[in-house]
Amino acid sequence: MLLSIIRAIQSFKDYHRNLRELSQLTDRELADIGIDRADIPRVAAGQALD
């Protein structure tokens, strides 16, 4: 139980760190890595792009 709570907290922190870092990139930098600004939440969550 405690381990699952710790993992959930870490996942939450990871998501927000990824979101913050990707949001700081310019549109050109995002395009260079193949994502659109609208894709940032999905990419930050670790979901593959279709």
PDB file of N, CA and C in Angstrom:
ATOM      1  N   MET A   1       0.831  -1.196   0.000  1.00  0.00           N
ATOM      2  CA  MET A   1       0.000   0.000   0.000  1.00  0.00           C
ATOM      3  C   MET A   1       0.870   1.252   0.000  1.00  0.00           C
ATOM      4  N   LEU A   2       1.802   1.325   0.918  1.00  0.00           N
ATOM      5  CA  LEU A   2       2.679   2.489   1.006  1.00  0.00           C
ATOM      6  C   LEU A   2       3.507   2.643  -0.265  1.00  0.00           C
ATOM      7  N   LEU A   3       3.987   1.532  -0.788  1.00  0.00           N
ATOM      8  CA  LEU A   3       4.787   1.569  -2.006  1.00  0.00           C
ATOM      9  C   LEU A   3       3.982   2.121  -3.178  1.00  0.00           C
ATOM     10  N   SER A   4       2.719   1.762  -3.287  1.00  0.00           N
ATOM     11  CA  SER A   4       1.894   2.266  -4.387  1.00  0.00           C
ATOM     12  C   SER A   4       1.645   3.771  -4.246  1.00  0.00           C
ATOM     13  N   ILE A   5       1.534   4.247  -3.033  1.00  0.00           N
ATOM     14  CA  ILE A   5       1.368   5.686  -2.807  1.00  0.00           C
ATOM     15  C   ILE A   5       2.643   6.428  -3.204  1.00  0.00           C
ATOM     16  N   ILE A   6       3.776   5.875  -2.814  1.00  0.00           N
ATOM     17  CA  ILE A   6       5.063   6.490  -3.172  1.00  0.00           C
ATOM     18  C   ILE A   6       5.231   6.531  -4.685  1.00  0.00           C
ATOM     19  N   ARG A   7       4.887   5.449  -5.363  1.00  0.00           N
ATOM     20  CA  ARG A   7       4.989   5.411  -6.831  1.00  0.00           C
ATOM     21  C   ARG A   7       4.049   6.432  -7.473  1.00  0.00           C
ATOM     22  N   ALA A   8       2.856   6.584  -6.940  1.00  0.00           N
ATOM     23  CA  ALA A   8       1.901   7.552  -7.480  1.00  0.00           C
ATOM     24  C   ALA A   8       2.421   8.977  -7.316  1.00  0.00           C
ATOM     25  N   ILE A   9       3.007   9.264  -6.179  1.00  0.00           N
ATOM     26  CA  ILE A   9       3.576  10.595  -5.942  1.00  0.00           C
ATOM     27  C   ILE A   9       4.742  10.847  -6.894  1.00  0.00           C
ATOM     28  N   GLN A  10       5.594   9.858  -7.078  1.00  0.00           N
ATOM     29  CA  GLN A  10       6.735  10.007  -7.986  1.00  0.00           C
ATOM     30  C   GLN A  10       6.260  10.199  -9.422  1.00  0.00           C
ATOM     31  N   SER A  11       5.243   9.468  -9.833  1.00  0.00           N
ATOM     32  CA  SER A  11       4.689   9.628 -11.183  1.00  0.00           C
ATOM     33  C   SER A  11       4.125  11.030 -11.377  1.00  0.00           C
ATOM     34  N   PHE A  12       3.458  11.538 -10.369  1.00  0.00           N
ATOM     35  CA  PHE A  12       2.905  12.890 -10.414  1.00  0.00           C
ATOM     36  C   PHE A  12       4.028  13.912 -10.570  1.00  0.00           C
ATOM     37  N   LYS A  13       5.086  13.751  -9.795  1.00  0.00           N
ATOM     38  CA  LYS A  13       6.238  14.666  -9.882  1.00  0.00           C
ATOM     39  C   LYS A  13       6.900  14.576 -11.254  1.00  0.00           C
ATOM     40  N   ASP A  14       7.087  13.364 -11.748  1.00  0.00           N
ATOM     41  CA  ASP A  14       7.703  13.166 -13.066  1.00  0.00           C
ATOM     42  C   ASP A  14       6.881  13.829 -14.162  1.00  0.00           C
ATOM     43  N   TYR A  15       5.570  13.645 -14.112  1.00  0.00           N
ATOM     44  CA  TYR A  15       4.682  14.239 -15.111  1.00  0.00           C
ATOM     45  C   TYR A  15       4.826  15.755 -15.120  1.00  0.00           C
ATOM     46  N   HIS A  16       4.779  16.363 -13.962  1.00  0.00           N
ATOM     47  CA  HIS A  16       4.850  17.823 -13.897  1.00  0.00           C
ATOM     48  C   HIS A  16       6.226  18.353 -14.285  1.00  0.00           C
ATOM     49  N   ARG A  17       7.282  17.605 -13.963  1.00  0.00           N
ATOM     50  CA  ARG A  17       8.621  18.018 -14.402  1.00  0.00           C
ATOM     51  C   ARG A  17       8.718  17.955 -15.924  1.00  0.00           C
ATOM     52  N   ASN A  18       8.233  16.855 -16.512  1.00  0.00           N
ATOM     53  CA  ASN A  18       8.240  16.718 -17.972  1.00  0.00           C
ATOM     54  C   ASN A  18       7.397  17.797 -18.632  1.00  0.00           C
ATOM     55  N   LEU A  19       6.245  18.060 -18.065  1.00  0.00           N
ATOM     56  CA  LEU A  19       5.358  19.094 -18.599  1.00  0.00           C
ATOM     57  C   LEU A  19       6.048  20.456 -18.586  1.00  0.00           C
ATOM     58  N   ARG A  20       6.680  20.789 -17.479  1.00  0.00           N
ATOM     59  CA  ARG A  20       7.368  22.077 -17.339  1.00  0.00           C
ATOM     60  C   ARG A  20       8.520  22.186 -18.339  1.00  0.00           C
ATOM     61  N   GLU A  21       9.322  21.134 -18.456  1.00  0.00           N
ATOM     62  CA  GLU A  21      10.472  21.174 -19.358  1.00  0.00           C
ATOM     63  C   GLU A  21      10.045  21.274 -20.815  1.00  0.00           C
ATOM     64  N   LEU A  22       9.056  20.507 -21.213  1.00  0.00           N
ATOM     65  CA  LEU A  22       8.582  20.565 -22.599  1.00  0.00           C
ATOM     66  C   LEU A  22       7.919  21.905 -22.905  1.00  0.00           C
ATOM     67  N   SER A  23       7.228  22.467 -21.951  1.00  0.00           N
ATOM     68  CA  SER A  23       6.549  23.744 -22.158  1.00  0.00           C
ATOM     69  C   SER A  23       7.538  24.891 -22.360  1.00  0.00           C
ATOM     70  N   GLN A  24       8.753  24.725 -21.865  1.00  0.00           N
ATOM     71  CA  GLN A  24       9.762  25.768 -22.001  1.00  0.00           C
ATOM     72  C   GLN A  24      10.425  25.770 -23.370  1.00  0.00           C
ATOM     73  N   LEU A  25      10.220  24.715 -24.148  1.00  0.00           N
ATOM     74  CA  LEU A  25      10.807  24.651 -25.485  1.00  0.00           C
ATOM     75  C   LEU A  25      10.041  25.556 -26.449  1.00  0.00           C
ATOM     76  N   THR A  26      10.752  26.054 -27.457  1.00  0.00           N
ATOM     77  CA  THR A  26      10.101  26.863 -28.490  1.00  0.00           C
ATOM     78  C   THR A  26       9.347  25.934 -29.438  1.00  0.00           C
ATOM     79  N   ASP A  27       8.460  26.519 -30.245  1.00  0.00           N
ATOM     80  CA  ASP A  27       7.727  25.720 -31.229  1.00  0.00           C
ATOM     81  C   ASP A  27       8.696  25.042 -32.193  1.00  0.00           C
ATOM     82  N   ARG A  28       9.772  25.720 -32.541  1.00  0.00           N
ATOM     83  CA  ARG A  28      10.769  25.144 -33.449  1.00  0.00           C
ATOM     84  C   ARG A  28      11.465  23.940 -32.811  1.00  0.00           C
ATOM     85  N   GLU A  29      11.823  24.066 -31.540  1.00  0.00           N
ATOM     86  CA  GLU A  29      12.465  22.952 -30.843  1.00  0.00           C
ATOM     87  C   GLU A  29      11.520  21.764 -30.721  1.00  0.00           C
ATOM     88  N   LEU A  30      10.255  22.042 -30.446  1.00  0.00           N
ATOM     89  CA  LEU A  30       9.270  20.963 -30.377  1.00  0.00           C
ATOM     90  C   LEU A  30       9.131  20.274 -31.725  1.00  0.00           C
ATOM     91  N   ALA A  31       9.089  21.074 -32.794  1.00  0.00           N
ATOM     92  CA  ALA A  31       8.978  20.502 -34.139  1.00  0.00           C
ATOM     93  C   ALA A  31      10.197  19.633 -34.456  1.00  0.00           C
ATOM     94  N   ASP A  32      11.368  20.054 -34.001  1.00  0.00           N
ATOM     95  CA  ASP A  32      12.588  19.281 -34.247  1.00  0.00           C
ATOM     96  C   ASP A  32      12.524  17.890 -33.615  1.00  0.00           C
ATOM     97  N   ILE A  33      11.829  17.778 -32.495  1.00  0.00           N
ATOM     98  CA  ILE A  33      11.716  16.455 -31.864  1.00  0.00           C
ATOM     99  C   ILE A  33      10.407  15.756 -32.237  1.00  0.00           C
ATOM    100  N   GLY A  34       9.664  16.378 -33.139  1.00  0.00           N
ATOM    101  CA  GLY A  34       8.496  15.717 -33.711  1.00  0.00           C
ATOM    102  C   GLY A  34       7.217  15.811 -32.918  1.00  0.00           C
ATOM    103  N   ILE A  35       7.093  16.829 -32.077  1.00  0.00           N
ATOM    104  CA  ILE A  35       5.830  16.982 -31.352  1.00  0.00           C
ATOM    105  C   ILE A  35       5.289  18.395 -31.522  1.00  0.00           C
ATOM    106  N   ASP A  36       4.017  18.512 -31.317  1.00  0.00           N
ATOM    107  CA  ASP A  36       3.298  19.776 -31.399  1.00  0.00           C
ATOM    108  C   ASP A  36       3.006  20.231 -29.972  1.00  0.00           C
ATOM    109  N   ARG A  37       2.819  21.508 -29.768  1.00  0.00           N
ATOM    110  CA  ARG A  37       2.547  22.034 -28.426  1.00  0.00           C
ATOM    111  C   ARG A  37       1.318  21.337 -27.809  1.00  0.00           C
ATOM    112  N   ALA A  38       0.344  20.999 -28.636  1.00  0.00           N
ATOM    113  CA  ALA A  38      -0.859  20.323 -28.130  1.00  0.00           C
ATOM    114  C   ALA A  38      -0.562  18.905 -27.648  1.00  0.00           C
ATOM    115  N   ASP A  39       0.563  18.334 -28.068  1.00  0.00           N
ATOM    116  CA  ASP A  39       0.944  16.980 -27.666  1.00  0.00           C
ATOM    117  C   ASP A  39       1.674  16.933 -26.327  1.00  0.00           C
ATOM    118  N   ILE A  40       2.047  18.087 -25.785  1.00  0.00           N
ATOM    119  CA  ILE A  40       2.870  18.122 -24.583  1.00  0.00           C
ATOM    120  C   ILE A  40       2.273  17.336 -23.421  1.00  0.00           C
ATOM    121  N   PRO A  41       0.994  17.503 -23.070  1.00  0.00           N
ATOM    122  CA  PRO A  41       0.472  16.717 -21.932  1.00  0.00           C
ATOM    123  C   PRO A  41       0.558  15.210 -22.148  1.00  0.00           C
ATOM    124  N   ARG A  42       0.314  14.769 -23.350  1.00  0.00           N
ATOM    125  CA  ARG A  42       0.369  13.336 -23.642  1.00  0.00           C
ATOM    126  C   ARG A  42       1.809  12.824 -23.587  1.00  0.00           C
ATOM    127  N   VAL A  43       2.732  13.576 -24.144  1.00  0.00           N
ATOM    128  CA  VAL A  43       4.138  13.178 -24.119  1.00  0.00           C
ATOM    129  C   VAL A  43       4.669  13.215 -22.685  1.00  0.00           C
ATOM    130  N   ALA A  44       4.297  14.246 -21.933  1.00  0.00           N
ATOM    131  CA  ALA A  44       4.742  14.350 -20.535  1.00  0.00           C
ATOM    132  C   ALA A  44       4.249  13.177 -19.706  1.00  0.00           C
ATOM    133  N   ALA A  45       3.096  12.652 -20.059  1.00  0.00           N
ATOM    134  CA  ALA A  45       2.538  11.499 -19.340  1.00  0.00           C
ATOM    135  C   ALA A  45       3.183  10.194 -19.768  1.00  0.00           C
ATOM    136  N   GLY A  46       4.038  10.253 -20.797  1.00  0.00           N
ATOM    137  CA  GLY A  46       4.733   9.057 -21.242  1.00  0.00           C
ATOM    138  C   GLY A  46       3.955   8.235 -22.229  1.00  0.00           C
ATOM    139  N   GLN A  47       2.908   8.784 -22.798  1.00  0.00           N
ATOM    140  CA  GLN A  47       2.111   8.058 -23.787  1.00  0.00           C
ATOM    141  C   GLN A  47       2.712   8.265 -25.161  1.00  0.00           C
ATOM    142  N   ALA A  48       2.771   7.204 -25.931  1.00  0.00           N
ATOM    143  CA  ALA A  48       3.345   7.253 -27.284  1.00  0.00           C
ATOM    144  C   ALA A  48       2.445   8.054 -28.215  1.00  0.00           C
ATOM    145  N   LEU A  49       3.103   8.720 -29.140  1.00  0.00           N
ATOM    146  CA  LEU A  49       2.355   9.462 -30.168  1.00  0.00           C
ATOM    147  C   LEU A  49       1.955   8.512 -31.280  1.00  0.00           C
ATOM    148  N   ASP A  50       0.778   8.731 -31.819  1.00  0.00           N
ATOM    149  CA  ASP A  50       0.313   7.892 -32.944  1.00  0.00           C
ATOM    150  C   ASP A  50       0.757   8.476 -34.260  1.00  0.00           C
TER     151      ASP A  50
END
